[in-house]
Amino acid sequence: MPRPYLPKVITANALIEGDVVYMTAKGMWSRCMRDAEILNDEADAQIRLIDASAQSDDVVGVYLSDVAQGPNGAEPVHFREEFRRTGPSNYLHGKQEGQAHV
């Protein structure tokens, strides 16, 4: 029996800064996961992934990531994506410090 399709977002790293970015419904890149377009259809997700992968002047390492729909949009379901989203530190600085005030 095939596994059920989990909702996904398209994620990558910004080419210049290296920041984790997420594709929005308008085809733009955002550094906030809550702005990401949640893809509930597997075929649509694959098409959007091809389009995102073509933006090699802006991003590298484009892939689909499993998410859950949360109260504020997409939320990661795997610790790796939470780690990428928040950063690899055990104290607040950089983007972690900015998120503390949201």
PDB file of N, CA and C in Angstrom:
ATOM      1  N   MET A   1       0.852  -1.179   0.000  1.00  0.00           N
ATOM      2  CA  MET A   1       0.000   0.000   0.000  1.00  0.00           C
ATOM      3  C   MET A   1       0.895   1.239   0.000  1.00  0.00           C
ATOM      4  N   PRO A   2       0.643   2.194  -0.896  1.00  0.00           N
ATOM      5  CA  PRO A   2       1.474   3.405  -0.926  1.00  0.00           C
ATOM      6  C   PRO A   2       1.254   4.265   0.315  1.00  0.00           C
ATOM      7  N   ARG A   3       2.318   4.948   0.700  1.00  0.00           N
ATOM      8  CA  ARG A   3       2.220   5.857   1.837  1.00  0.00           C
ATOM      9  C   ARG A   3       1.414   7.082   1.439  1.00  0.00           C
ATOM     10  N   PRO A   4       0.648   7.628   2.365  1.00  0.00           N
ATOM     11  CA  PRO A   4      -0.126   8.829   2.033  1.00  0.00           C
ATOM     12  C   PRO A   4       0.812  10.005   1.752  1.00  0.00           C
ATOM     13  N   TYR A   5       0.387  10.876   0.859  1.00  0.00           N
ATOM     14  CA  TYR A   5       1.183  12.053   0.513  1.00  0.00           C
ATOM     15  C   TYR A   5       1.090  13.075   1.642  1.00  0.00           C
ATOM     16  N   LEU A   6       2.247  13.511   2.129  1.00  0.00           N
ATOM     17  CA  LEU A   6       2.288  14.549   3.151  1.00  0.00           C
ATOM     18  C   LEU A   6       2.432  15.909   2.477  1.00  0.00           C
ATOM     19  N   PRO A   7       1.802  16.945   3.015  1.00  0.00           N
ATOM     20  CA  PRO A   7       1.974  18.282   2.452  1.00  0.00           C
ATOM     21  C   PRO A   7       3.460  18.656   2.449  1.00  0.00           C
ATOM     22  N   LYS A   8       3.847  19.487   1.486  1.00  0.00           N
ATOM     23  CA  LYS A   8       5.249  19.847   1.342  1.00  0.00           C
ATOM     24  C   LYS A   8       5.398  21.337   1.051  1.00  0.00           C
ATOM     25  N   VAL A   9       6.607  21.840   1.307  1.00  0.00           N
ATOM     26  CA  VAL A   9       7.007  23.169   0.867  1.00  0.00           C
ATOM     27  C   VAL A   9       8.302  23.006   0.085  1.00  0.00           C
ATOM     28  N   ILE A  10       8.594  23.981  -0.754  1.00  0.00           N
ATOM     29  CA  ILE A  10       9.855  23.982  -1.481  1.00  0.00           C
ATOM     30  C   ILE A  10      10.833  24.840  -0.695  1.00  0.00           C
ATOM     31  N   THR A  11      11.996  24.281  -0.420  1.00  0.00           N
ATOM     32  CA  THR A  11      13.017  24.993   0.327  1.00  0.00           C
ATOM     33  C   THR A  11      14.351  24.908  -0.395  1.00  0.00           C
ATOM     34  N   ALA A  12      15.230  25.834  -0.065  1.00  0.00           N
ATOM     35  CA  ALA A  12      16.558  25.894  -0.675  1.00  0.00           C
ATOM     36  C   ALA A  12      17.419  26.789   0.203  1.00  0.00           C
ATOM     37  N   ASN A  13      18.610  27.094  -0.280  1.00  0.00           N
ATOM     38  CA  ASN A  13      19.472  28.072   0.368  1.00  0.00           C
ATOM     39  C   ASN A  13      19.717  29.220  -0.599  1.00  0.00           C
ATOM     40  N   ALA A  14      19.627  30.436  -0.086  1.00  0.00           N
ATOM     41  CA  ALA A  14      19.910  31.613  -0.909  1.00  0.00           C
ATOM     42  C   ALA A  14      21.357  31.536  -1.375  1.00  0.00           C
ATOM     43  N   LEU A  15      21.586  31.775  -2.641  1.00  0.00           N
ATOM     44  CA  LEU A  15      22.901  31.599  -3.234  1.00  0.00           C
ATOM     45  C   LEU A  15      23.960  32.500  -2.600  1.00  0.00           C
ATOM     46  N   ILE A  16      23.671  33.766  -2.401  1.00  0.00           N
ATOM     47  CA  ILE A  16      24.670  34.704  -1.891  1.00  0.00           C
ATOM     48  C   ILE A  16      24.836  34.606  -0.375  1.00  0.00           C
ATOM     49  N   GLU A  17      23.735  34.691   0.383  1.00  0.00           N
ATOM     50  CA  GLU A  17      23.813  34.723   1.846  1.00  0.00           C
ATOM     51  C   GLU A  17      23.886  33.345   2.484  1.00  0.00           C
ATOM     52  N   GLY A  18      23.330  32.345   1.805  1.00  0.00           N
ATOM     53  CA  GLY A  18      23.296  31.001   2.368  1.00  0.00           C
ATOM     54  C   GLY A  18      22.110  30.750   3.273  1.00  0.00           C
ATOM     55  N   ASP A  19      21.259  31.761   3.482  1.00  0.00           N
ATOM     56  CA  ASP A  19      20.094  31.603   4.349  1.00  0.00           C
ATOM     57  C   ASP A  19      19.122  30.572   3.788  1.00  0.00           C
ATOM     58  N   VAL A  20      18.411  29.905   4.677  1.00  0.00           N
ATOM     59  CA  VAL A  20      17.343  28.998   4.275  1.00  0.00           C
ATOM     60  C   VAL A  20      16.189  29.845   3.753  1.00  0.00           C
ATOM     61  N   VAL A  21      15.646  29.452   2.601  1.00  0.00           N
ATOM     62  CA  VAL A  21      14.531  30.175   2.000  1.00  0.00           C
ATOM     63  C   VAL A  21      13.439  29.193   1.594  1.00  0.00           C
ATOM     64  N   TYR A  22      12.226  29.729   1.462  1.00  0.00           N
ATOM     65  CA  TYR A  22      11.047  28.935   1.122  1.00  0.00           C
ATOM     66  C   TYR A  22      10.315  29.622  -0.014  1.00  0.00           C
ATOM     67  N   MET A  23       9.794  28.820  -0.950  1.00  0.00           N
ATOM     68  CA  MET A  23       9.071  29.395  -2.077  1.00  0.00           C
ATOM     69  C   MET A  23       7.636  29.734  -1.674  1.00  0.00           C
ATOM     70  N   THR A  24       7.227  30.951  -2.053  1.00  0.00           N
ATOM     71  CA  THR A  24       5.871  31.401  -1.775  1.00  0.00           C
ATOM     72  C   THR A  24       4.953  31.028  -2.938  1.00  0.00           C
ATOM     73  N   ALA A  25       3.670  31.247  -2.764  1.00  0.00           N
ATOM     74  CA  ALA A  25       2.697  30.952  -3.819  1.00  0.00           C
ATOM     75  C   ALA A  25       2.917  31.826  -5.046  1.00  0.00           C
ATOM     76  N   LYS A  26       3.560  32.980  -4.883  1.00  0.00           N
ATOM     77  CA  LYS A  26       3.833  33.879  -6.005  1.00  0.00           C
ATOM     78  C   LYS A  26       5.154  33.562  -6.692  1.00  0.00           C
ATOM     79  N   GLY A  27       5.835  32.496  -6.259  1.00  0.00           N
ATOM     80  CA  GLY A  27       7.088  32.107  -6.882  1.00  0.00           C
ATOM     81  C   GLY A  27       8.293  32.886  -6.402  1.00  0.00           C
ATOM     82  N   MET A  28       8.134  33.630  -5.322  1.00  0.00           N
ATOM     83  CA  MET A  28       9.230  34.394  -4.733  1.00  0.00           C
ATOM     84  C   MET A  28       9.839  33.575  -3.596  1.00  0.00           C
ATOM     85  N   TRP A  29      11.003  33.982  -3.115  1.00  0.00           N
ATOM     86  CA  TRP A  29      11.664  33.298  -2.003  1.00  0.00           C
ATOM     87  C   TRP A  29      11.527  34.115  -0.735  1.00  0.00           C
ATOM     88  N   SER A  30      11.194  33.447   0.370  1.00  0.00           N
ATOM     89  CA  SER A  30      11.042  34.101   1.666  1.00  0.00           C
ATOM     90  C   SER A  30      11.902  33.368   2.692  1.00  0.00           C
ATOM     91  N   ARG A  31      12.402  34.104   3.656  1.00  0.00           N
ATOM     92  CA  ARG A  31      13.185  33.498   4.730  1.00  0.00           C
ATOM     93  C   ARG A  31      12.294  32.999   5.878  1.00  0.00           C
ATOM     94  N   CYS A  32      10.995  33.223   5.765  1.00  0.00           N
ATOM     95  CA  CYS A  32      10.042  32.788   6.797  1.00  0.00           C
ATOM     96  C   CYS A  32       9.235  31.599   6.294  1.00  0.00           C
ATOM     97  N   MET A  33       9.278  30.501   7.029  1.00  0.00           N
ATOM     98  CA  MET A  33       8.526  29.310   6.625  1.00  0.00           C
ATOM     99  C   MET A  33       7.033  29.575   6.576  1.00  0.00           C
ATOM    100  N   ARG A  34       6.544  30.456   7.418  1.00  0.00           N
ATOM    101  CA  ARG A  34       5.098  30.722   7.424  1.00  0.00           C
ATOM    102  C   ARG A  34       4.615  31.340   6.118  1.00  0.00           C
ATOM    103  N   ASP A  35       5.529  31.914   5.315  1.00  0.00           N
ATOM    104  CA  ASP A  35       5.176  32.492   4.017  1.00  0.00           C
ATOM    105  C   ASP A  35       5.155  31.451   2.901  1.00  0.00           C
ATOM    106  N   ALA A  36       5.663  30.257   3.180  1.00  0.00           N
ATOM    107  CA  ALA A  36       5.802  29.224   2.147  1.00  0.00           C
ATOM    108  C   ALA A  36       4.449  28.724   1.662  1.00  0.00           C
ATOM    109  N   GLU A  37       4.413  28.414   0.378  1.00  0.00           N
ATOM    110  CA  GLU A  37       3.220  27.791  -0.201  1.00  0.00           C
ATOM    111  C   GLU A  37       3.201  26.326   0.214  1.00  0.00           C
ATOM    112  N   ILE A  38       2.091  25.874   0.779  1.00  0.00           N
ATOM    113  CA  ILE A  38       1.943  24.467   1.159  1.00  0.00           C
ATOM    114  C   ILE A  38       1.362  23.722  -0.039  1.00  0.00           C
ATOM    115  N   LEU A  39       2.080  22.710  -0.482  1.00  0.00           N
ATOM    116  CA  LEU A  39       1.705  21.942  -1.669  1.00  0.00           C
ATOM    117  C   LEU A  39       1.053  20.634  -1.237  1.00  0.00           C
ATOM    118  N   ASN A  40      -0.232  20.509  -1.514  1.00  0.00           N
ATOM    119  CA  ASN A  40      -0.991  19.336  -1.096  1.00  0.00           C
ATOM    120  C   ASN A  40      -1.178  18.301  -2.198  1.00  0.00           C
ATOM    121  N   ASP A  41      -0.741  18.625  -3.404  1.00  0.00           N
ATOM    122  CA  ASP A  41      -0.885  17.729  -4.539  1.00  0.00           C
ATOM    123  C   ASP A  41       0.508  17.330  -5.037  1.00  0.00           C
ATOM    124  N   GLU A  42       0.760  16.042  -5.152  1.00  0.00           N
ATOM    125  CA  GLU A  42       2.088  15.555  -5.511  1.00  0.00           C
ATOM    126  C   GLU A  42       2.530  16.018  -6.899  1.00  0.00           C
ATOM    127  N   ALA A  43       1.637  15.956  -7.878  1.00  0.00           N
ATOM    128  CA  ALA A  43       1.989  16.376  -9.237  1.00  0.00           C
ATOM    129  C   ALA A  43       2.297  17.873  -9.281  1.00  0.00           C
ATOM    130  N   ASP A  44       1.494  18.667  -8.608  1.00  0.00           N
ATOM    131  CA  ASP A  44       1.722  20.105  -8.549  1.00  0.00           C
ATOM    132  C   ASP A  44       3.060  20.406  -7.860  1.00  0.00           C
ATOM    133  N   ALA A  45       3.351  19.675  -6.806  1.00  0.00           N
ATOM    134  CA  ALA A  45       4.614  19.864  -6.084  1.00  0.00           C
ATOM    135  C   ALA A  45       5.806  19.589  -6.990  1.00  0.00           C
ATOM    136  N   GLN A  46       5.731  18.556  -7.809  1.00  0.00           N
ATOM    137  CA  GLN A  46       6.829  18.229  -8.715  1.00  0.00           C
ATOM    138  C   GLN A  46       7.020  19.317  -9.779  1.00  0.00           C
ATOM    139  N   ILE A  47       5.930  19.843 -10.300  1.00  0.00           N
ATOM    140  CA  ILE A  47       6.011  20.921 -11.296  1.00  0.00           C
ATOM    141  C   ILE A  47       6.619  22.174 -10.676  1.00  0.00           C
ATOM    142  N   ARG A  48       6.154  22.529  -9.485  1.00  0.00           N
ATOM    143  CA  ARG A  48       6.682  23.703  -8.789  1.00  0.00           C
ATOM    144  C   ARG A  48       8.163  23.511  -8.446  1.00  0.00           C
ATOM    145  N   LEU A  49       8.557  22.283  -8.123  1.00  0.00           N
ATOM    146  CA  LEU A  49       9.952  21.990  -7.829  1.00  0.00           C
ATOM    147  C   LEU A  49      10.830  22.217  -9.058  1.00  0.00           C
ATOM    148  N   ILE A  50      10.362  21.811 -10.217  1.00  0.00           N
ATOM    149  CA  ILE A  50      11.101  22.037 -11.467  1.00  0.00           C
ATOM    150  C   ILE A  50      11.274  23.536 -11.710  1.00  0.00           C
ATOM    151  N   ASP A  51      10.193  24.296 -11.522  1.00  0.00           N
ATOM    152  CA  ASP A  51      10.269  25.749 -11.691  1.00  0.00           C
ATOM    153  C   ASP A  51      11.261  26.379 -10.705  1.00  0.00           C
ATOM    154  N   ALA A  52      11.212  25.930  -9.461  1.00  0.00           N
ATOM    155  CA  ALA A  52      12.109  26.476  -8.438  1.00  0.00           C
ATOM    156  C   ALA A  52      13.561  26.122  -8.732  1.00  0.00           C
ATOM    157  N   SER A  53      13.801  24.912  -9.185  1.00  0.00           N
ATOM    158  CA  SER A  53      15.160  24.464  -9.486  1.00  0.00           C
ATOM    159  C   SER A  53      15.786  25.268 -10.627  1.00  0.00           C
ATOM    160  N   ALA A  54      14.968  25.843 -11.474  1.00  0.00           N
ATOM    161  CA  ALA A  54      15.461  26.645 -12.592  1.00  0.00           C
ATOM    162  C   ALA A  54      15.974  28.011 -12.146  1.00  0.00           C
ATOM    163  N   GLN A  55      15.731  28.383 -10.900  1.00  0.00           N
ATOM    164  CA  GLN A  55      16.158  29.692 -10.391  1.00  0.00           C
ATOM    165  C   GLN A  55      17.572  29.615  -9.802  1.00  0.00           C
ATOM    166  N   SER A  56      18.487  29.037 -10.557  1.00  0.00           N
ATOM    167  CA  SER A  56      19.841  28.793 -10.060  1.00  0.00           C
ATOM    168  C   SER A  56      20.661  30.073  -9.868  1.00  0.00           C
ATOM    169  N   ASP A  57      20.179  31.212 -10.334  1.00  0.00           N
ATOM    170  CA  ASP A  57      20.864  32.481 -10.073  1.00  0.00           C
ATOM    171  C   ASP A  57      20.579  32.988  -8.664  1.00  0.00           C
ATOM    172  N   ASP A  58      19.526  32.441  -8.035  1.00  0.00           N
ATOM    173  CA  ASP A  58      19.103  32.908  -6.713  1.00  0.00           C
ATOM    174  C   ASP A  58      19.316  31.887  -5.597  1.00  0.00           C
ATOM    175  N   VAL A  59      19.157  30.596  -5.913  1.00  0.00           N
ATOM    176  CA  VAL A  59      19.162  29.572  -4.865  1.00  0.00           C
ATOM    177  C   VAL A  59      19.950  28.330  -5.279  1.00  0.00           C
ATOM    178  N   VAL A  60      20.340  27.547  -4.269  1.00  0.00           N
ATOM    179  CA  VAL A  60      20.985  26.248  -4.494  1.00  0.00           C
ATOM    180  C   VAL A  60      20.330  25.223  -3.572  1.00  0.00           C
ATOM    181  N   GLY A  61      20.433  23.960  -3.955  1.00  0.00           N
ATOM    182  CA  GLY A  61      19.933  22.880  -3.097  1.00  0.00           C
ATOM    183  C   GLY A  61      18.433  22.855  -2.940  1.00  0.00           C
ATOM    184  N   VAL A  62      17.709  23.053  -4.004  1.00  0.00           N
ATOM    185  CA  VAL A  62      16.243  23.106  -3.955  1.00  0.00           C
ATOM    186  C   VAL A  62      15.676  21.702  -3.738  1.00  0.00           C
ATOM    187  N   TYR A  63      14.744  21.562  -2.794  1.00  0.00           N
ATOM    188  CA  TYR A  63      14.072  20.280  -2.583  1.00  0.00           C
ATOM    189  C   TYR A  63      12.732  20.476  -1.887  1.00  0.00           C
ATOM    190  N   LEU A  64      11.938  19.413  -1.858  1.00  0.00           N
ATOM    191  CA  LEU A  64      10.639  19.408  -1.177  1.00  0.00           C
ATOM    192  C   LEU A  64      10.834  18.930   0.256  1.00  0.00           C
ATOM    193  N   SER A  65      10.169  19.589   1.166  1.00  0.00           N
ATOM    194  CA  SER A  65      10.252  19.231   2.579  1.00  0.00           C
ATOM    195  C   SER A  65       8.852  18.981   3.136  1.00  0.00           C
ATOM    196  N   ASP A  66       8.691  17.900   3.886  1.00  0.00           N
ATOM    197  CA  ASP A  66       7.403  17.591   4.513  1.00  0.00           C
ATOM    198  C   ASP A  66       7.075  18.627   5.578  1.00  0.00           C
ATOM    199  N   VAL A  67       5.815  19.017   5.627  1.00  0.00           N
ATOM    200  CA  VAL A  67       5.353  19.979   6.627  1.00  0.00           C
ATOM    201  C   VAL A  67       3.978  19.565   7.142  1.00  0.00           C
ATOM    202  N   ALA A  68       3.577  20.217   8.216  1.00  0.00           N
ATOM    203  CA  ALA A  68       2.217  20.104   8.735  1.00  0.00           C
ATOM    204  C   ALA A  68       1.614  21.502   8.721  1.00  0.00           C
ATOM    205  N   GLN A  69       0.316  21.572   8.539  1.00  0.00           N
ATOM    206  CA  GLN A  69      -0.367  22.866   8.582  1.00  0.00           C
ATOM    207  C   GLN A  69      -0.547  23.259  10.039  1.00  0.00           C
ATOM    208  N   GLY A  70       0.058  24.353  10.432  1.00  0.00           N
ATOM    209  CA  GLY A  70      -0.064  24.850  11.793  1.00  0.00           C
ATOM    210  C   GLY A  70      -0.915  26.101  11.836  1.00  0.00           C
ATOM    211  N   PRO A  71      -1.107  26.674  13.007  1.00  0.00           N
ATOM    212  CA  PRO A  71      -1.931  27.873  13.124  1.00  0.00           C
ATOM    213  C   PRO A  71      -1.351  29.083  12.389  1.00  0.00           C
ATOM    214  N   ASN A  72      -0.031  29.085  12.171  1.00  0.00           N
ATOM    215  CA  ASN A  72       0.619  30.204  11.480  1.00  0.00           C
ATOM    216  C   ASN A  72       1.203  29.789  10.143  1.00  0.00           C
ATOM    217  N   GLY A  73       0.661  28.761   9.529  1.00  0.00           N
ATOM    218  CA  GLY A  73       1.167  28.290   8.242  1.00  0.00           C
ATOM    219  C   GLY A  73       1.935  26.997   8.389  1.00  0.00           C
ATOM    220  N   ALA A  74       2.899  26.800   7.500  1.00  0.00           N
ATOM    221  CA  ALA A  74       3.665  25.557   7.473  1.00  0.00           C
ATOM    222  C   ALA A  74       4.557  25.422   8.706  1.00  0.00           C
ATOM    223  N   GLU A  75       4.634  24.187   9.212  1.00  0.00           N
ATOM    224  CA  GLU A  75       5.522  23.862  10.325  1.00  0.00           C
ATOM    225  C   GLU A  75       6.287  22.600   9.968  1.00  0.00           C
ATOM    226  N   PRO A  76       7.595  22.563  10.245  1.00  0.00           N
ATOM    227  CA  PRO A  76       8.378  21.377   9.895  1.00  0.00           C
ATOM    228  C   PRO A  76       7.936  20.162  10.705  1.00  0.00           C
ATOM    229  N   VAL A  77       8.036  18.979  10.084  1.00  0.00           N
ATOM    230  CA  VAL A  77       7.698  17.742  10.791  1.00  0.00           C
ATOM    231  C   VAL A  77       8.941  16.919  11.110  1.00  0.00           C
ATOM    232  N   HIS A  78      10.091  17.364  10.638  1.00  0.00           N
ATOM    233  CA  HIS A  78      11.335  16.636  10.891  1.00  0.00           C
ATOM    234  C   HIS A  78      12.316  17.578  11.581  1.00  0.00           C
ATOM    235  N   PHE A  79      13.083  17.042  12.519  1.00  0.00           N
ATOM    236  CA  PHE A  79      13.999  17.878  13.287  1.00  0.00           C
ATOM    237  C   PHE A  79      15.032  18.567  12.399  1.00  0.00           C
ATOM    238  N   ARG A  80      15.409  17.945  11.286  1.00  0.00           N
ATOM    239  CA  ARG A  80      16.392  18.554  10.383  1.00  0.00           C
ATOM    240  C   ARG A  80      15.886  19.884   9.857  1.00  0.00           C
ATOM    241  N   GLU A  81      14.610  19.930   9.494  1.00  0.00           N
ATOM    242  CA  GLU A  81      14.046  21.169   8.957  1.00  0.00           C
ATOM    243  C   GLU A  81      13.869  22.221  10.048  1.00  0.00           C
ATOM    244  N   GLU A  82      13.556  21.807  11.244  1.00  0.00           N
ATOM    245  CA  GLU A  82      13.481  22.757  12.359  1.00  0.00           C
ATOM    246  C   GLU A  82      14.866  23.345  12.621  1.00  0.00           C
ATOM    247  N   PHE A  83      15.878  22.507  12.552  1.00  0.00           N
ATOM    248  CA  PHE A  83      17.264  22.931  12.734  1.00  0.00           C
ATOM    249  C   PHE A  83      17.663  23.928  11.646  1.00  0.00           C
ATOM    250  N   ARG A  84      17.322  23.638  10.403  1.00  0.00           N
ATOM    251  CA  ARG A  84      17.632  24.560   9.305  1.00  0.00           C
ATOM    252  C   ARG A  84      16.898  25.886   9.477  1.00  0.00           C
ATOM    253  N   ARG A  85      15.655  25.799   9.928  1.00  0.00           N
ATOM    254  CA  ARG A  85      14.823  26.995  10.061  1.00  0.00           C
ATOM    255  C   ARG A  85      15.322  27.930  11.162  1.00  0.00           C
ATOM    256  N   THR A  86      15.752  27.370  12.284  1.00  0.00           N
ATOM    257  CA  THR A  86      16.126  28.200  13.428  1.00  0.00           C
ATOM    258  C   THR A  86      17.614  28.446  13.548  1.00  0.00           C
ATOM    259  N   GLY A  87      18.436  27.605  12.956  1.00  0.00           N
ATOM    260  CA  GLY A  87      19.873  27.791  13.039  1.00  0.00           C
ATOM    261  C   GLY A  87      20.519  26.864  14.055  1.00  0.00           C
ATOM    262  N   PRO A  88      21.832  26.678  13.935  1.00  0.00           N
ATOM    263  CA  PRO A  88      22.532  25.653  14.709  1.00  0.00           C
ATOM    264  C   PRO A  88      23.100  26.113  16.046  1.00  0.00           C
ATOM    265  N   SER A  89      22.458  27.017  16.721  1.00  0.00           N
ATOM    266  CA  SER A  89      23.038  27.539  17.952  1.00  0.00           C
ATOM    267  C   SER A  89      22.187  27.215  19.163  1.00  0.00           C
ATOM    268  N   ASN A  90      22.816  27.244  20.326  1.00  0.00           N
ATOM    269  CA  ASN A  90      22.070  27.019  21.564  1.00  0.00           C
ATOM    270  C   ASN A  90      21.823  28.321  22.319  1.00  0.00           C
ATOM    271  N   TYR A  91      22.134  29.457  21.714  1.00  0.00           N
ATOM    272  CA  TYR A  91      21.784  30.747  22.288  1.00  0.00           C
ATOM    273  C   TYR A  91      21.280  31.666  21.175  1.00  0.00           C
ATOM    274  N   LEU A  92      20.499  32.659  21.557  1.00  0.00           N
ATOM    275  CA  LEU A  92      19.855  33.518  20.571  1.00  0.00           C
ATOM    276  C   LEU A  92      20.813  34.562  20.012  1.00  0.00           C
ATOM    277  N   HIS A  93      20.978  34.548  18.700  1.00  0.00           N
ATOM    278  CA  HIS A  93      21.705  35.577  17.973  1.00  0.00           C
ATOM    279  C   HIS A  93      21.279  35.502  16.515  1.00  0.00           C
ATOM    280  N   GLY A  94      21.558  36.530  15.755  1.00  0.00           N
ATOM    281  CA  GLY A  94      21.179  36.523  14.339  1.00  0.00           C
ATOM    282  C   GLY A  94      19.688  36.352  14.155  1.00  0.00           C
ATOM    283  N   LYS A  95      19.305  35.430  13.270  1.00  0.00           N
ATOM    284  CA  LYS A  95      17.884  35.251  12.983  1.00  0.00           C
ATOM    285  C   LYS A  95      17.127  34.676  14.166  1.00  0.00           C
ATOM    286  N   GLN A  96      17.814  33.963  15.061  1.00  0.00           N
ATOM    287  CA  GLN A  96      17.143  33.446  16.249  1.00  0.00           C
ATOM    288  C   GLN A  96      16.711  34.590  17.166  1.00  0.00           C
ATOM    289  N   GLU A  97      17.549  35.588  17.314  1.00  0.00           N
ATOM    290  CA  GLU A  97      17.234  36.732  18.150  1.00  0.00           C
ATOM    291  C   GLU A  97      16.038  37.488  17.574  1.00  0.00           C
ATOM    292  N   GLY A  98      16.003  37.632  16.245  1.00  0.00           N
ATOM    293  CA  GLY A  98      14.880  38.307  15.605  1.00  0.00           C
ATOM    294  C   GLY A  98      13.565  37.580  15.805  1.00  0.00           C
ATOM    295  N   GLN A  99      13.592  36.251  15.794  1.00  0.00           N
ATOM    296  CA  GLN A  99      12.383  35.463  15.987  1.00  0.00           C
ATOM    297  C   GLN A  99      11.884  35.522  17.416  1.00  0.00           C
ATOM    298  N   ALA A 100      12.757  35.801  18.370  1.00  0.00           N
ATOM    299  CA  ALA A 100      12.353  35.877  19.769  1.00  0.00           C
ATOM    300  C   ALA A 100      11.432  37.053  20.018  1.00  0.00           C
ATOM    301  N   HIS A 101      11.502  38.074  19.169  1.00  0.00           N
ATOM    302  CA  HIS A 101      10.699  39.272  19.348  1.00  0.00           C
ATOM    303  C   HIS A 101       9.429  39.270  18.500  1.00  0.00           C
ATOM    304  N   VAL A 102       9.162  38.170  17.796  1.00  0.00           N
ATOM    305  CA  VAL A 102       7.996  38.103  16.915  1.00  0.00           C
ATOM    306  C   VAL A 102       6.767  37.730  17.708  1.00  0.00           C
TER     307      VAL A 102
END
